Amino acid sequence: HVTWKWTVPDTDNPDVLRKTAGSTLPNGDARADLHADGVGTATVS
């Protein structure tokens, strides 16, 4: 009797991995598009 819904994915290092789009859907799904702008490491969460 519960639905597990997501938040919009984001990045902790926009200089390396920049979010260009993100949204949640009414059913609880979440989407994001990220662009690899620079060399390095980023966490998407």
PDB file of all heavy atoms in Angstrom:
ATOM      1  N   HIS A   1       0.816  -1.220   0.000  1.00  0.00           N
ATOM      2  CA  HIS A   1       0.000   0.000   0.000  1.00  0.00           C
ATOM      3  C   HIS A   1       0.846   1.265   0.000  1.00  0.00           C
ATOM      4  O   HIS A   1       0.395   2.316   0.459  1.00  0.00           O
ATOM      5  CB  HIS A   1      -0.947  -0.016   1.204  1.00  0.00           C
ATOM      6  CG  HIS A   1      -1.966  -1.102   1.103  1.00  0.00           C
ATOM      7  ND1 HIS A   1      -3.083  -0.997   0.302  1.00  0.00           N
ATOM      8  CD2 HIS A   1      -2.017  -2.345   1.661  1.00  0.00           C
ATOM      9  CE1 HIS A   1      -3.785  -2.108   0.401  1.00  0.00           C
ATOM     10  NE2 HIS A   1      -3.160  -2.944   1.210  1.00  0.00           N
ATOM     11  N   VAL A   2       2.073   1.175  -0.489  1.00  0.00           N
ATOM     12  CA  VAL A   2       2.942   2.347  -0.563  1.00  0.00           C
ATOM     13  C   VAL A   2       3.601   2.416  -1.941  1.00  0.00           C
ATOM     14  O   VAL A   2       3.749   1.410  -2.625  1.00  0.00           O
ATOM     15  CB  VAL A   2       4.032   2.346   0.539  1.00  0.00           C
ATOM     16  CG1 VAL A   2       3.405   2.327   1.925  1.00  0.00           C
ATOM     17  CG2 VAL A   2       4.991   1.188   0.373  1.00  0.00           C
ATOM     18  N   THR A   3       3.977   3.627  -2.333  1.00  0.00           N
ATOM     19  CA  THR A   3       4.738   3.846  -3.557  1.00  0.00           C
ATOM     20  C   THR A   3       6.074   4.453  -3.169  1.00  0.00           C
ATOM     21  O   THR A   3       6.138   5.387  -2.367  1.00  0.00           O
ATOM     22  CB  THR A   3       3.997   4.807  -4.508  1.00  0.00           C
ATOM     23  OG1 THR A   3       2.721   4.232  -4.825  1.00  0.00           O
ATOM     24  CG2 THR A   3       4.775   5.031  -5.789  1.00  0.00           C
ATOM     25  N   TRP A   4       7.144   3.919  -3.723  1.00  0.00           N
ATOM     26  CA  TRP A   4       8.482   4.460  -3.493  1.00  0.00           C
ATOM     27  C   TRP A   4       8.828   5.374  -4.660  1.00  0.00           C
ATOM     28  O   TRP A   4       8.979   4.921  -5.793  1.00  0.00           O
ATOM     29  CB  TRP A   4       9.494   3.325  -3.346  1.00  0.00           C
ATOM     30  CG  TRP A   4       9.286   2.576  -2.070  1.00  0.00           C
ATOM     31  CD1 TRP A   4       8.495   1.491  -1.869  1.00  0.00           C
ATOM     32  CD2 TRP A   4       9.848   2.913  -0.802  1.00  0.00           C
ATOM     33  NE1 TRP A   4       8.543   1.119  -0.552  1.00  0.00           N
ATOM     34  CE2 TRP A   4       9.361   1.969   0.123  1.00  0.00           C
ATOM     35  CE3 TRP A   4      10.711   3.917  -0.353  1.00  0.00           C
ATOM     36  CZ2 TRP A   4       9.721   1.997   1.468  1.00  0.00           C
ATOM     37  CZ3 TRP A   4      11.072   3.934   0.989  1.00  0.00           C
ATOM     38  CH2 TRP A   4      10.571   2.985   1.875  1.00  0.00           C
ATOM     39  N   LYS A   5       8.910   6.689  -4.380  1.00  0.00           N
ATOM     40  CA  LYS A   5       9.138   7.709  -5.409  1.00  0.00           C
ATOM     41  C   LYS A   5      10.540   8.287  -5.291  1.00  0.00           C
ATOM     42  O   LYS A   5      11.124   8.307  -4.217  1.00  0.00           O
ATOM     43  CB  LYS A   5       8.104   8.831  -5.253  1.00  0.00           C
ATOM     44  CG  LYS A   5       6.682   8.358  -5.486  1.00  0.00           C
ATOM     45  CD  LYS A   5       5.700   9.503  -5.454  1.00  0.00           C
ATOM     46  CE  LYS A   5       4.313   9.007  -5.829  1.00  0.00           C
ATOM     47  NZ  LYS A   5       3.394  10.105  -6.072  1.00  0.00           N
ATOM     48  N   TRP A   6      11.031   8.824  -6.399  1.00  0.00           N
ATOM     49  CA  TRP A   6      12.392   9.363  -6.486  1.00  0.00           C
ATOM     50  C   TRP A   6      12.408  10.884  -6.488  1.00  0.00           C
ATOM     51  O   TRP A   6      11.474  11.522  -6.961  1.00  0.00           O
ATOM     52  CB  TRP A   6      13.039   8.881  -7.789  1.00  0.00           C
ATOM     53  CG  TRP A   6      13.327   7.431  -7.798  1.00  0.00           C
ATOM     54  CD1 TRP A   6      12.585   6.462  -8.394  1.00  0.00           C
ATOM     55  CD2 TRP A   6      14.425   6.778  -7.188  1.00  0.00           C
ATOM     56  NE1 TRP A   6      13.165   5.233  -8.185  1.00  0.00           N
ATOM     57  CE2 TRP A   6      14.294   5.403  -7.447  1.00  0.00           C
ATOM     58  CE3 TRP A   6      15.518   7.205  -6.434  1.00  0.00           C
ATOM     59  CZ2 TRP A   6      15.220   4.454  -6.989  1.00  0.00           C
ATOM     60  CZ3 TRP A   6      16.429   6.272  -5.981  1.00  0.00           C
ATOM     61  CH2 TRP A   6      16.280   4.918  -6.262  1.00  0.00           C
ATOM     62  N   THR A   7      13.518  11.449  -6.027  1.00  0.00           N
ATOM     63  CA  THR A   7      13.801  12.870  -6.225  1.00  0.00           C
ATOM     64  C   THR A   7      14.553  13.011  -7.548  1.00  0.00           C
ATOM     65  O   THR A   7      15.056  12.030  -8.096  1.00  0.00           O
ATOM     66  CB  THR A   7      14.674  13.450  -5.091  1.00  0.00           C
ATOM     67  OG1 THR A   7      15.924  12.733  -5.053  1.00  0.00           O
ATOM     68  CG2 THR A   7      13.967  13.340  -3.740  1.00  0.00           C
ATOM     69  N   VAL A   8      14.648  14.237  -8.031  1.00  0.00           N
ATOM     70  CA  VAL A   8      15.383  14.494  -9.271  1.00  0.00           C
ATOM     71  C   VAL A   8      16.877  14.219  -9.033  1.00  0.00           C
ATOM     72  O   VAL A   8      17.460  14.750  -8.083  1.00  0.00           O
ATOM     73  CB  VAL A   8      15.189  15.952  -9.740  1.00  0.00           C
ATOM     74  CG1 VAL A   8      16.028  16.224 -10.980  1.00  0.00           C
ATOM     75  CG2 VAL A   8      13.729  16.240 -10.010  1.00  0.00           C
ATOM     76  N   PRO A   9      17.503  13.390  -9.853  1.00  0.00           N
ATOM     77  CA  PRO A   9      18.940  13.141  -9.703  1.00  0.00           C
ATOM     78  C   PRO A   9      19.739  14.425  -9.906  1.00  0.00           C
ATOM     79  O   PRO A   9      19.382  15.277 -10.721  1.00  0.00           O
ATOM     80  CB  PRO A   9      19.242  12.134 -10.819  1.00  0.00           C
ATOM     81  CG  PRO A   9      17.920  11.503 -11.128  1.00  0.00           C
ATOM     82  CD  PRO A   9      16.902  12.582 -10.904  1.00  0.00           C
ATOM     83  N   ASP A  10      20.822  14.550  -9.146  1.00  0.00           N
ATOM     84  CA  ASP A  10      21.667  15.735  -9.236  1.00  0.00           C
ATOM     85  C   ASP A  10      23.123  15.312  -9.140  1.00  0.00           C
ATOM     86  O   ASP A  10      23.441  14.178  -8.793  1.00  0.00           O
ATOM     87  CB  ASP A  10      21.318  16.728  -8.128  1.00  0.00           C
ATOM     88  CG  ASP A  10      21.624  18.164  -8.520  1.00  0.00           C
ATOM     89  OD1 ASP A  10      22.244  18.395  -9.587  1.00  0.00           O
ATOM     90  OD2 ASP A  10      21.241  19.065  -7.768  1.00  0.00           O
ATOM     91  N   THR A  11      24.011  16.242  -9.425  1.00  0.00           N
ATOM     92  CA  THR A  11      25.449  15.991  -9.390  1.00  0.00           C
ATOM     93  C   THR A  11      26.104  16.849  -8.311  1.00  0.00           C
ATOM     94  O   THR A  11      25.640  17.958  -8.037  1.00  0.00           O
ATOM     95  CB  THR A  11      26.084  16.291 -10.766  1.00  0.00           C
ATOM     96  OG1 THR A  11      27.498  16.120 -10.676  1.00  0.00           O
ATOM     97  CG2 THR A  11      25.774  17.692 -11.239  1.00  0.00           C
ATOM     98  N   ASP A  12      27.158  16.330  -7.722  1.00  0.00           N
ATOM     99  CA  ASP A  12      27.864  17.088  -6.690  1.00  0.00           C
ATOM    100  C   ASP A  12      29.013  17.920  -7.261  1.00  0.00           C
ATOM    101  O   ASP A  12      29.646  18.672  -6.539  1.00  0.00           O
ATOM    102  CB  ASP A  12      28.388  16.153  -5.594  1.00  0.00           C
ATOM    103  CG  ASP A  12      29.530  15.263  -6.062  1.00  0.00           C
ATOM    104  OD1 ASP A  12      29.709  15.086  -7.292  1.00  0.00           O
ATOM    105  OD2 ASP A  12      30.249  14.724  -5.198  1.00  0.00           O
ATOM    106  N   ASN A  13      29.295  17.786  -8.561  1.00  0.00           N
ATOM    107  CA  ASN A  13      30.410  18.503  -9.164  1.00  0.00           C
ATOM    108  C   ASN A  13      30.007  18.999 -10.562  1.00  0.00           C
ATOM    109  O   ASN A  13      30.362  18.382 -11.573  1.00  0.00           O
ATOM    110  CB  ASN A  13      31.636  17.588  -9.233  1.00  0.00           C
ATOM    111  CG  ASN A  13      32.894  18.331  -9.578  1.00  0.00           C
ATOM    112  OD1 ASN A  13      32.856  19.482 -10.017  1.00  0.00           O
ATOM    113  ND2 ASN A  13      34.029  17.691  -9.394  1.00  0.00           N
ATOM    114  N   PRO A  14      29.282  20.126 -10.631  1.00  0.00           N
ATOM    115  CA  PRO A  14      28.793  20.597 -11.931  1.00  0.00           C
ATOM    116  C   PRO A  14      29.899  21.052 -12.881  1.00  0.00           C
ATOM    117  O   PRO A  14      29.643  21.192 -14.084  1.00  0.00           O
ATOM    118  CB  PRO A  14      27.863  21.753 -11.571  1.00  0.00           C
ATOM    119  CG  PRO A  14      28.225  22.144 -10.185  1.00  0.00           C
ATOM    120  CD  PRO A  14      28.811  20.940  -9.525  1.00  0.00           C
ATOM    121  N   ASP A  15      31.121  21.279 -12.393  1.00  0.00           N
ATOM    122  CA  ASP A  15      32.224  21.611 -13.297  1.00  0.00           C
ATOM    123  C   ASP A  15      32.650  20.394 -14.115  1.00  0.00           C
ATOM    124  O   ASP A  15      33.176  20.532 -15.212  1.00  0.00           O
ATOM    125  CB  ASP A  15      33.424  22.147 -12.516  1.00  0.00           C
ATOM    126  CG  ASP A  15      33.136  23.494 -11.873  1.00  0.00           C
ATOM    127  OD1 ASP A  15      32.283  24.246 -12.413  1.00  0.00           O
ATOM    128  OD2 ASP A  15      33.743  23.799 -10.829  1.00  0.00           O
ATOM    129  N   VAL A  16      32.422  19.211 -13.571  1.00  0.00           N
ATOM    130  CA  VAL A  16      32.763  17.964 -14.262  1.00  0.00           C
ATOM    131  C   VAL A  16      31.546  17.401 -14.984  1.00  0.00           C
ATOM    132  O   VAL A  16      31.607  17.032 -16.147  1.00  0.00           O
ATOM    133  CB  VAL A  16      33.321  16.922 -13.260  1.00  0.00           C
ATOM    134  CG1 VAL A  16      33.500  15.560 -13.926  1.00  0.00           C
ATOM    135  CG2 VAL A  16      34.638  17.408 -12.671  1.00  0.00           C
ATOM    136  N   LEU A  17      30.415  17.336 -14.274  1.00  0.00           N
ATOM    137  CA  LEU A  17      29.193  16.747 -14.813  1.00  0.00           C
ATOM    138  C   LEU A  17      28.043  17.706 -14.535  1.00  0.00           C
ATOM    139  O   LEU A  17      27.594  17.838 -13.402  1.00  0.00           O
ATOM    140  CB  LEU A  17      28.944  15.391 -14.149  1.00  0.00           C
ATOM    141  CG  LEU A  17      27.946  14.461 -14.796  1.00  0.00           C
ATOM    142  CD1 LEU A  17      28.397  14.064 -16.206  1.00  0.00           C
ATOM    143  CD2 LEU A  17      27.793  13.202 -13.950  1.00  0.00           C
ATOM    144  N   ARG A  18      27.590  18.405 -15.578  1.00  0.00           N
ATOM    145  CA  ARG A  18      26.582  19.467 -15.445  1.00  0.00           C
ATOM    146  C   ARG A  18      25.196  18.935 -15.794  1.00  0.00           C
ATOM    147  O   ARG A  18      24.990  18.320 -16.837  1.00  0.00           O
ATOM    148  CB  ARG A  18      26.956  20.621 -16.383  1.00  0.00           C
ATOM    149  CG  ARG A  18      25.963  21.755 -16.440  1.00  0.00           C
ATOM    150  CD  ARG A  18      26.466  22.867 -17.362  1.00  0.00           C
ATOM    151  NE  ARG A  18      27.004  22.394 -18.631  1.00  0.00           N
ATOM    152  CZ  ARG A  18      26.287  22.266 -19.751  1.00  0.00           C
ATOM    153  NH1 ARG A  18      25.007  22.568 -19.775  1.00  0.00           N
ATOM    154  NH2 ARG A  18      26.875  21.845 -20.865  1.00  0.00           N
ATOM    155  N   LYS A  19      24.218  19.206 -14.902  1.00  0.00           N
ATOM    156  CA  LYS A  19      22.841  18.794 -15.169  1.00  0.00           C
ATOM    157  C   LYS A  19      22.228  19.760 -16.172  1.00  0.00           C
ATOM    158  O   LYS A  19      22.221  20.964 -15.962  1.00  0.00           O
ATOM    159  CB  LYS A  19      22.014  18.762 -13.881  1.00  0.00           C
ATOM    160  CG  LYS A  19      20.598  18.254 -14.113  1.00  0.00           C
ATOM    161  CD  LYS A  19      19.854  17.898 -12.844  1.00  0.00           C
ATOM    162  CE  LYS A  19      19.607  19.097 -11.984  1.00  0.00           C
ATOM    163  NZ  LYS A  19      18.732  18.806 -10.840  1.00  0.00           N
ATOM    164  N   THR A  20      21.702  19.213 -17.279  1.00  0.00           N
ATOM    165  CA  THR A  20      21.074  20.038 -18.305  1.00  0.00           C
ATOM    166  C   THR A  20      19.553  19.936 -18.277  1.00  0.00           C
ATOM    167  O   THR A  20      18.874  20.794 -18.830  1.00  0.00           O
ATOM    168  CB  THR A  20      21.588  19.651 -19.706  1.00  0.00           C
ATOM    169  OG1 THR A  20      21.299  18.269 -19.934  1.00  0.00           O
ATOM    170  CG2 THR A  20      23.089  19.893 -19.828  1.00  0.00           C
ATOM    171  N   ALA A  21      19.025  18.890 -17.637  1.00  0.00           N
ATOM    172  CA  ALA A  21      17.573  18.723 -17.503  1.00  0.00           C
ATOM    173  C   ALA A  21      17.305  17.753 -16.366  1.00  0.00           C
ATOM    174  O   ALA A  21      18.137  16.897 -16.059  1.00  0.00           O
ATOM    175  CB  ALA A  21      16.964  18.182 -18.798  1.00  0.00           C
ATOM    176  N   GLY A  22      16.143  17.890 -15.746  1.00  0.00           N
ATOM    177  CA  GLY A  22      15.760  16.963 -14.694  1.00  0.00           C
ATOM    178  C   GLY A  22      14.309  17.162 -14.316  1.00  0.00           C
ATOM    179  O   GLY A  22      13.813  18.286 -14.329  1.00  0.00           O
ATOM    180  N   SER A  23      13.624  16.067 -13.992  1.00  0.00           N
ATOM    181  CA  SER A  23      12.220  16.165 -13.610  1.00  0.00           C
ATOM    182  C   SER A  23      11.781  14.893 -12.897  1.00  0.00           C
ATOM    183  O   SER A  23      12.438  13.859 -12.967  1.00  0.00           O
ATOM    184  CB  SER A  23      11.342  16.386 -14.844  1.00  0.00           C
ATOM    185  OG  SER A  23      11.414  15.268 -15.701  1.00  0.00           O
ATOM    186  N   THR A  24      10.640  15.014 -12.231  1.00  0.00           N
ATOM    187  CA  THR A  24       9.957  13.842 -11.700  1.00  0.00           C
ATOM    188  C   THR A  24       8.635  13.717 -12.440  1.00  0.00           C
ATOM    189  O   THR A  24       8.106  14.706 -12.941  1.00  0.00           O
ATOM    190  CB  THR A  24       9.693  13.961 -10.189  1.00  0.00           C
ATOM    191  OG1 THR A  24       8.940  15.144  -9.942  1.00  0.00           O
ATOM    192  CG2 THR A  24      10.992  13.985  -9.393  1.00  0.00           C
ATOM    193  N   LEU A  25       8.126  12.515 -12.500  1.00  0.00           N
ATOM    194  CA  LEU A  25       6.858  12.249 -13.152  1.00  0.00           C
ATOM    195  C   LEU A  25       5.786  11.982 -12.090  1.00  0.00           C
ATOM    196  O   LEU A  25       6.118  11.606 -10.963  1.00  0.00           O
ATOM    197  CB  LEU A  25       6.993  11.050 -14.088  1.00  0.00           C
ATOM    198  CG  LEU A  25       8.056  11.206 -15.183  1.00  0.00           C
ATOM    199  CD1 LEU A  25       8.207   9.915 -15.970  1.00  0.00           C
ATOM    200  CD2 LEU A  25       7.706  12.356 -16.104  1.00  0.00           C
ATOM    201  N   PRO A  26       4.517  12.158 -12.422  1.00  0.00           N
ATOM    202  CA  PRO A  26       3.454  11.939 -11.435  1.00  0.00           C
ATOM    203  C   PRO A  26       3.471  10.544 -10.797  1.00  0.00           C
ATOM    204  O   PRO A  26       3.077  10.374  -9.653  1.00  0.00           O
ATOM    205  CB  PRO A  26       2.168  12.154 -12.231  1.00  0.00           C
ATOM    206  CG  PRO A  26       2.567  13.062 -13.350  1.00  0.00           C
ATOM    207  CD  PRO A  26       3.977  12.670 -13.687  1.00  0.00           C
ATOM    208  N   ASN A  27       3.958   9.538 -11.509  1.00  0.00           N
ATOM    209  CA  ASN A  27       3.997   8.179 -10.957  1.00  0.00           C
ATOM    210  C   ASN A  27       5.172   7.954 -10.012  1.00  0.00           C
ATOM    211  O   ASN A  27       5.306   6.892  -9.424  1.00  0.00           O
ATOM    212  CB  ASN A  27       4.023   7.139 -12.071  1.00  0.00           C
ATOM    213  CG  ASN A  27       5.338   7.123 -12.837  1.00  0.00           C
ATOM    214  OD1 ASN A  27       6.164   8.016 -12.713  1.00  0.00           O
ATOM    215  ND2 ASN A  27       5.514   6.096 -13.647  1.00  0.00           N
ATOM    216  N   GLY A  28       6.079   8.954  -9.874  1.00  0.00           N
ATOM    217  CA  GLY A  28       7.220   8.829  -8.973  1.00  0.00           C
ATOM    218  C   GLY A  28       8.542   8.562  -9.653  1.00  0.00           C
ATOM    219  O   GLY A  28       9.592   8.557  -9.006  1.00  0.00           O
ATOM    220  N   ASP A  29       8.538   8.318 -10.963  1.00  0.00           N
ATOM    221  CA  ASP A  29       9.790   8.160 -11.697  1.00  0.00           C
ATOM    222  C   ASP A  29      10.551   9.478 -11.689  1.00  0.00           C
ATOM    223  O   ASP A  29       9.955  10.548 -11.517  1.00  0.00           O
ATOM    224  CB  ASP A  29       9.530   7.771 -13.154  1.00  0.00           C
ATOM    225  CG  ASP A  29       8.976   6.373 -13.333  1.00  0.00           C
ATOM    226  OD1 ASP A  29       8.836   5.638 -12.341  1.00  0.00           O
ATOM    227  OD2 ASP A  29       8.664   6.018 -14.497  1.00  0.00           O
ATOM    228  N   ALA A  30      11.857   9.420 -11.911  1.00  0.00           N
ATOM    229  CA  ALA A  30      12.669  10.633 -12.014  1.00  0.00           C
ATOM    230  C   ALA A  30      13.654  10.473 -13.165  1.00  0.00           C
ATOM    231  O   ALA A  30      14.101   9.361 -13.467  1.00  0.00           O
ATOM    232  CB  ALA A  30      13.409  10.899 -10.713  1.00  0.00           C
ATOM    233  N   ARG A  31      13.953  11.590 -13.789  1.00  0.00           N
ATOM    234  CA  ARG A  31      14.857  11.611 -14.935  1.00  0.00           C
ATOM    235  C   ARG A  31      15.833  12.770 -14.785  1.00  0.00           C
ATOM    236  O   ARG A  31      15.502  13.792 -14.187  1.00  0.00           O
ATOM    237  CB  ARG A  31      14.081  11.824 -16.242  1.00  0.00           C
ATOM    238  CG  ARG A  31      12.992  10.815 -16.508  1.00  0.00           C
ATOM    239  CD  ARG A  31      13.595   9.530 -17.046  1.00  0.00           C
ATOM    240  NE  ARG A  31      12.583   8.579 -17.446  1.00  0.00           N
ATOM    241  CZ  ARG A  31      12.145   7.586 -16.693  1.00  0.00           C
ATOM    242  NH1 ARG A  31      12.589   7.459 -15.470  1.00  0.00           N
ATOM    243  NH2 ARG A  31      11.271   6.716 -17.139  1.00  0.00           N
ATOM    244  N   ALA A  32      17.013  12.617 -15.382  1.00  0.00           N
ATOM    245  CA  ALA A  32      17.961  13.722 -15.471  1.00  0.00           C
ATOM    246  C   ALA A  32      18.899  13.471 -16.645  1.00  0.00           C
ATOM    247  O   ALA A  32      19.222  12.329 -16.961  1.00  0.00           O
ATOM    248  CB  ALA A  32      18.763  13.876 -14.185  1.00  0.00           C
ATOM    249  N   ASP A  33      19.301  14.545 -17.276  1.00  0.00           N
ATOM    250  CA  ASP A  33      20.330  14.514 -18.308  1.00  0.00           C
ATOM    251  C   ASP A  33      21.496  15.327 -17.794  1.00  0.00           C
ATOM    252  O   ASP A  33      21.316  16.445 -17.296  1.00  0.00           O
ATOM    253  CB  ASP A  33      19.814  15.121 -19.616  1.00  0.00           C
ATOM    254  CG  ASP A  33      18.727  14.282 -20.269  1.00  0.00           C
ATOM    255  OD1 ASP A  33      18.755  13.044 -20.114  1.00  0.00           O
ATOM    256  OD2 ASP A  33      17.855  14.863 -20.930  1.00  0.00           O
ATOM    257  N   LEU A  34      22.689  14.762 -17.918  1.00  0.00           N
ATOM    258  CA  LEU A  34      23.899  15.427 -17.468  1.00  0.00           C
ATOM    259  C   LEU A  34      24.916  15.424 -18.597  1.00  0.00           C
ATOM    260  O   LEU A  34      24.958  14.474 -19.395  1.00  0.00           O
ATOM    261  CB  LEU A  34      24.461  14.710 -16.231  1.00  0.00           C
ATOM    262  CG  LEU A  34      23.446  14.598 -15.088  1.00  0.00           C
ATOM    263  CD1 LEU A  34      23.180  13.142 -14.771  1.00  0.00           C
ATOM    264  CD2 LEU A  34      23.926  15.325 -13.871  1.00  0.00           C
ATOM    265  N   HIS A  35      25.727  16.461 -18.654  1.00  0.00           N
ATOM    266  CA  HIS A  35      26.728  16.586 -19.713  1.00  0.00           C
ATOM    267  C   HIS A  35      28.113  16.584 -19.087  1.00  0.00           C
ATOM    268  O   HIS A  35      28.382  17.327 -18.140  1.00  0.00           O
ATOM    269  CB  HIS A  35      26.514  17.877 -20.510  1.00  0.00           C
ATOM    270  CG  HIS A  35      27.370  17.948 -21.713  1.00  0.00           C
ATOM    271  ND1 HIS A  35      28.577  18.612 -21.721  1.00  0.00           N
ATOM    272  CD2 HIS A  35      27.213  17.427 -22.952  1.00  0.00           C
ATOM    273  CE1 HIS A  35      29.120  18.505 -22.917  1.00  0.00           C
ATOM    274  NE2 HIS A  35      28.311  17.797 -23.687  1.00  0.00           N
ATOM    275  N   ALA A  36      29.007  15.756 -19.625  1.00  0.00           N
ATOM    276  CA  ALA A  36      30.378  15.662 -19.132  1.00  0.00           C
ATOM    277  C   ALA A  36      31.181  16.828 -19.691  1.00  0.00           C
ATOM    278  O   ALA A  36      31.619  16.802 -20.833  1.00  0.00           O
ATOM    279  CB  ALA A  36      30.985  14.330 -19.532  1.00  0.00           C
ATOM    280  N   ASP A  37      31.366  17.869 -18.850  1.00  0.00           N
ATOM    281  CA  ASP A  37      32.041  19.094 -19.294  1.00  0.00           C
ATOM    282  C   ASP A  37      33.546  19.095 -19.052  1.00  0.00           C
ATOM    283  O   ASP A  37      34.282  19.747 -19.779  1.00  0.00           O
ATOM    284  CB  ASP A  37      31.443  20.316 -18.590  1.00  0.00           C
ATOM    285  CG  ASP A  37      30.096  20.712 -19.158  1.00  0.00           C
ATOM    286  OD1 ASP A  37      29.753  20.285 -20.267  1.00  0.00           O
ATOM    287  OD2 ASP A  37      29.383  21.466 -18.472  1.00  0.00           O
ATOM    288  N   GLY A  38      34.000  18.410 -18.009  1.00  0.00           N
ATOM    289  CA  GLY A  38      35.420  18.470 -17.683  1.00  0.00           C
ATOM    290  C   GLY A  38      35.919  17.159 -17.121  1.00  0.00           C
ATOM    291  O   GLY A  38      35.149  16.303 -16.700  1.00  0.00           O
ATOM    292  N   VAL A  39      37.243  17.011 -17.100  1.00  0.00           N
ATOM    293  CA  VAL A  39      37.867  15.804 -16.571  1.00  0.00           C
ATOM    294  C   VAL A  39      37.769  15.820 -15.046  1.00  0.00           C
ATOM    295  O   VAL A  39      37.972  16.854 -14.412  1.00  0.00           O
ATOM    296  CB  VAL A  39      39.342  15.719 -17.028  1.00  0.00           C
ATOM    297  CG1 VAL A  39      40.054  14.542 -16.372  1.00  0.00           C
ATOM    298  CG2 VAL A  39      39.417  15.629 -18.552  1.00  0.00           C
ATOM    299  N   GLY A  40      37.440  14.666 -14.465  1.00  0.00           N
ATOM    300  CA  GLY A  40      37.350  14.552 -13.018  1.00  0.00           C
ATOM    301  C   GLY A  40      36.301  13.529 -12.615  1.00  0.00           C
ATOM    302  O   GLY A  40      35.865  12.714 -13.418  1.00  0.00           O
ATOM    303  N   THR A  41      35.892  13.620 -11.356  1.00  0.00           N
ATOM    304  CA  THR A  41      34.924  12.677 -10.799  1.00  0.00           C
ATOM    305  C   THR A  41      33.743  13.430 -10.213  1.00  0.00           C
ATOM    306  O   THR A  41      33.918  14.459  -9.566  1.00  0.00           O
ATOM    307  CB  THR A  41      35.585  11.815  -9.705  1.00  0.00           C
ATOM    308  OG1 THR A  41      36.706  11.126 -10.273  1.00  0.00           O
ATOM    309  CG2 THR A  41      34.620  10.794  -9.139  1.00  0.00           C
ATOM    310  N   ALA A  42      32.555  12.903 -10.435  1.00  0.00           N
ATOM    311  CA  ALA A  42      31.330  13.481  -9.873  1.00  0.00           C
ATOM    312  C   ALA A  42      30.450  12.339  -9.382  1.00  0.00           C
ATOM    313  O   ALA A  42      30.486  11.235  -9.920  1.00  0.00           O
ATOM    314  CB  ALA A  42      30.589  14.304 -10.920  1.00  0.00           C
ATOM    315  N   THR A  43      29.673  12.642  -8.363  1.00  0.00           N
ATOM    316  CA  THR A  43      28.699  11.682  -7.862  1.00  0.00           C
ATOM    317  C   THR A  43      27.310  12.141  -8.268  1.00  0.00           C
ATOM    318  O   THR A  43      26.940  13.285  -8.034  1.00  0.00           O
ATOM    319  CB  THR A  43      28.784  11.556  -6.331  1.00  0.00           C
ATOM    320  OG1 THR A  43      30.092  11.112  -5.976  1.00  0.00           O
ATOM    321  CG2 THR A  43      27.757  10.563  -5.799  1.00  0.00           C
ATOM    322  N   VAL A  44      26.561  11.245  -8.901  1.00  0.00           N
ATOM    323  CA  VAL A  44      25.168  11.514  -9.243  1.00  0.00           C
ATOM    324  C   VAL A  44      24.343  10.818  -8.167  1.00  0.00           C
ATOM    325  O   VAL A  44      24.567   9.642  -7.863  1.00  0.00           O
ATOM    326  CB  VAL A  44      24.810  10.956 -10.636  1.00  0.00           C
ATOM    327  CG1 VAL A  44      23.353  11.236 -10.966  1.00  0.00           C
ATOM    328  CG2 VAL A  44      25.728  11.544 -11.691  1.00  0.00           C
ATOM    329  N   SER A  45      23.401  11.557  -7.582  1.00  0.00           N
ATOM    330  CA  SER A  45      22.628  10.964  -6.496  1.00  0.00           C
ATOM    331  C   SER A  45      21.165  11.391  -6.552  1.00  0.00           C
ATOM    332  O   SER A  45      20.808  12.401  -7.149  1.00  0.00           O
ATOM    333  CB  SER A  45      23.228  11.343  -5.142  1.00  0.00           C
ATOM    334  OG  SER A  45      23.223  12.742  -4.984  1.00  0.00           O
TER     335      SER A  45
END
